[in-house]
Amino acid sequence: MVDQSKCIGCGTCVAICPVGAIKFNSVGKAEIDTKICIRCGACQASCPVEAIDLNRSKNGKNSNN
């Protein structure tokens, strides 16, 4: 969901998430808690470097959920 190689740790997605599903990991990159995420798309739309793709899972494969 978050391409760690693209994420710049700006915090835009963390600030905009309406349910608090995004946190920073130990290296300062965004991670989405899929148990909390409601897939509204706000984070994906707001990411300035297009690091978030809600159609992809953590392992980079397309997700149909």
C-alpha atoms as a PDB file:
ATOM      1  CA  MET A   1       0.000   0.000   0.000  1.00  0.00           C
ATOM      2  CA  VAL A   2       2.824   2.433   0.791  1.00  0.00           C
ATOM      3  CA  ASP A   3       5.855   2.225  -1.461  1.00  0.00           C
ATOM      4  CA  GLN A   4       8.597   2.692   1.114  1.00  0.00           C
ATOM      5  CA  SER A   5      11.103   3.674  -1.566  1.00  0.00           C
ATOM      6  CA  LYS A   6       8.917   6.634  -2.585  1.00  0.00           C
ATOM      7  CA  CYS A   7       7.673   7.773   0.852  1.00  0.00           C
ATOM      8  CA  ILE A   8       9.443  10.932   2.029  1.00  0.00           C
ATOM      9  CA  GLY A   9       7.896  10.931   5.509  1.00  0.00           C
ATOM     10  CA  CYS A  10       6.176  14.286   5.034  1.00  0.00           C
ATOM     11  CA  GLY A  11       3.172  13.340   7.177  1.00  0.00           C
ATOM     12  CA  THR A  12       0.476  14.557   4.783  1.00  0.00           C
ATOM     13  CA  CYS A  13      -1.234  11.166   4.765  1.00  0.00           C
ATOM     14  CA  VAL A  14      -1.028  10.851   8.548  1.00  0.00           C
ATOM     15  CA  ALA A  15      -2.679  14.243   8.978  1.00  0.00           C
ATOM     16  CA  ILE A  16      -5.469  13.634   6.463  1.00  0.00           C
ATOM     17  CA  CYS A  17      -6.491  10.082   7.453  1.00  0.00           C
ATOM     18  CA  PRO A  18      -9.961  10.349   9.039  1.00  0.00           C
ATOM     19  CA  VAL A  19      -9.578   7.164  11.093  1.00  0.00           C
ATOM     20  CA  GLY A  20      -5.938   7.356  12.182  1.00  0.00           C
ATOM     21  CA  ALA A  21      -4.898   4.285  10.212  1.00  0.00           C
ATOM     22  CA  ILE A  22      -1.499   5.670   9.183  1.00  0.00           C
ATOM     23  CA  LYS A  23       1.540   5.824  11.430  1.00  0.00           C
ATOM     24  CA  PHE A  24       5.256   6.282  10.900  1.00  0.00           C
ATOM     25  CA  ASN A  25       7.461   3.212  11.198  1.00  0.00           C
ATOM     26  CA  SER A  26      10.879   3.121  12.877  1.00  0.00           C
ATOM     27  CA  VAL A  27      12.593   4.633   9.827  1.00  0.00           C
ATOM     28  CA  GLY A  28      10.132   7.511   9.445  1.00  0.00           C
ATOM     29  CA  LYS A  29       8.084   6.089   6.584  1.00  0.00           C
ATOM     30  CA  ALA A  30       4.288   5.861   6.530  1.00  0.00           C
ATOM     31  CA  GLU A  31       2.567   2.528   7.100  1.00  0.00           C
ATOM     32  CA  ILE A  32      -1.156   1.852   6.824  1.00  0.00           C
ATOM     33  CA  ASP A  33      -2.900  -0.398   9.337  1.00  0.00           C
ATOM     34  CA  THR A  34      -5.201  -2.380   7.068  1.00  0.00           C
ATOM     35  CA  LYS A  35      -7.382  -3.385  10.021  1.00  0.00           C
ATOM     36  CA  ILE A  36      -8.290   0.263  10.619  1.00  0.00           C
ATOM     37  CA  CYS A  37      -8.158   1.662   7.065  1.00  0.00           C
ATOM     38  CA  ILE A  38     -11.569   2.350   5.492  1.00  0.00           C
ATOM     39  CA  ARG A  39     -10.048   2.773   2.005  1.00  0.00           C
ATOM     40  CA  CYS A  40     -11.507   6.252   1.525  1.00  0.00           C
ATOM     41  CA  GLY A  41      -8.620   7.300  -0.722  1.00  0.00           C
ATOM     42  CA  ALA A  42      -7.794  10.554   1.057  1.00  0.00           C
ATOM     43  CA  CYS A  43      -4.199   9.505   1.714  1.00  0.00           C
ATOM     44  CA  GLN A  44      -3.617   8.351  -1.835  1.00  0.00           C
ATOM     45  CA  ALA A  45      -5.018  11.581  -3.268  1.00  0.00           C
ATOM     46  CA  SER A  46      -2.964  13.753  -0.915  1.00  0.00           C
ATOM     47  CA  CYS A  47       0.440  12.049  -1.226  1.00  0.00           C
ATOM     48  CA  PRO A  48       2.764  14.478  -3.022  1.00  0.00           C
ATOM     49  CA  VAL A  49       5.063  11.691  -4.270  1.00  0.00           C
ATOM     50  CA  GLU A  50       2.359   9.126  -5.137  1.00  0.00           C
ATOM     51  CA  ALA A  51       3.768   6.592  -2.681  1.00  0.00           C
ATOM     52  CA  ILE A  52       0.331   5.259  -1.720  1.00  0.00           C
ATOM     53  CA  ASP A  53      -1.651   2.869  -3.877  1.00  0.00           C
ATOM     54  CA  LEU A  54      -4.718   1.429  -2.181  1.00  0.00           C
ATOM     55  CA  ASN A  55      -5.084  -1.085  -5.004  1.00  0.00           C
ATOM     56  CA  ARG A  56      -1.830  -2.766  -4.010  1.00  0.00           C
ATOM     57  CA  SER A  57      -1.125  -4.871  -0.976  1.00  0.00           C
ATOM     58  CA  LYS A  58       1.987  -4.622   1.202  1.00  0.00           C
ATOM     59  CA  ASN A  59       3.764  -7.177  -0.965  1.00  0.00           C
ATOM     60  CA  GLY A  60       3.148  -5.098  -4.116  1.00  0.00           C
ATOM     61  CA  LYS A  61       0.513  -7.325  -5.689  1.00  0.00           C
ATOM     62  CA  ASN A  62      -2.832  -6.035  -6.887  1.00  0.00           C
ATOM     63  CA  SER A  63      -5.561  -6.255  -4.281  1.00  0.00           C
ATOM     64  CA  ASN A  64      -9.186  -6.850  -5.095  1.00  0.00           C
ATOM     65  CA  ASN A  65     -10.426  -5.978  -1.592  1.00  0.00           C
END
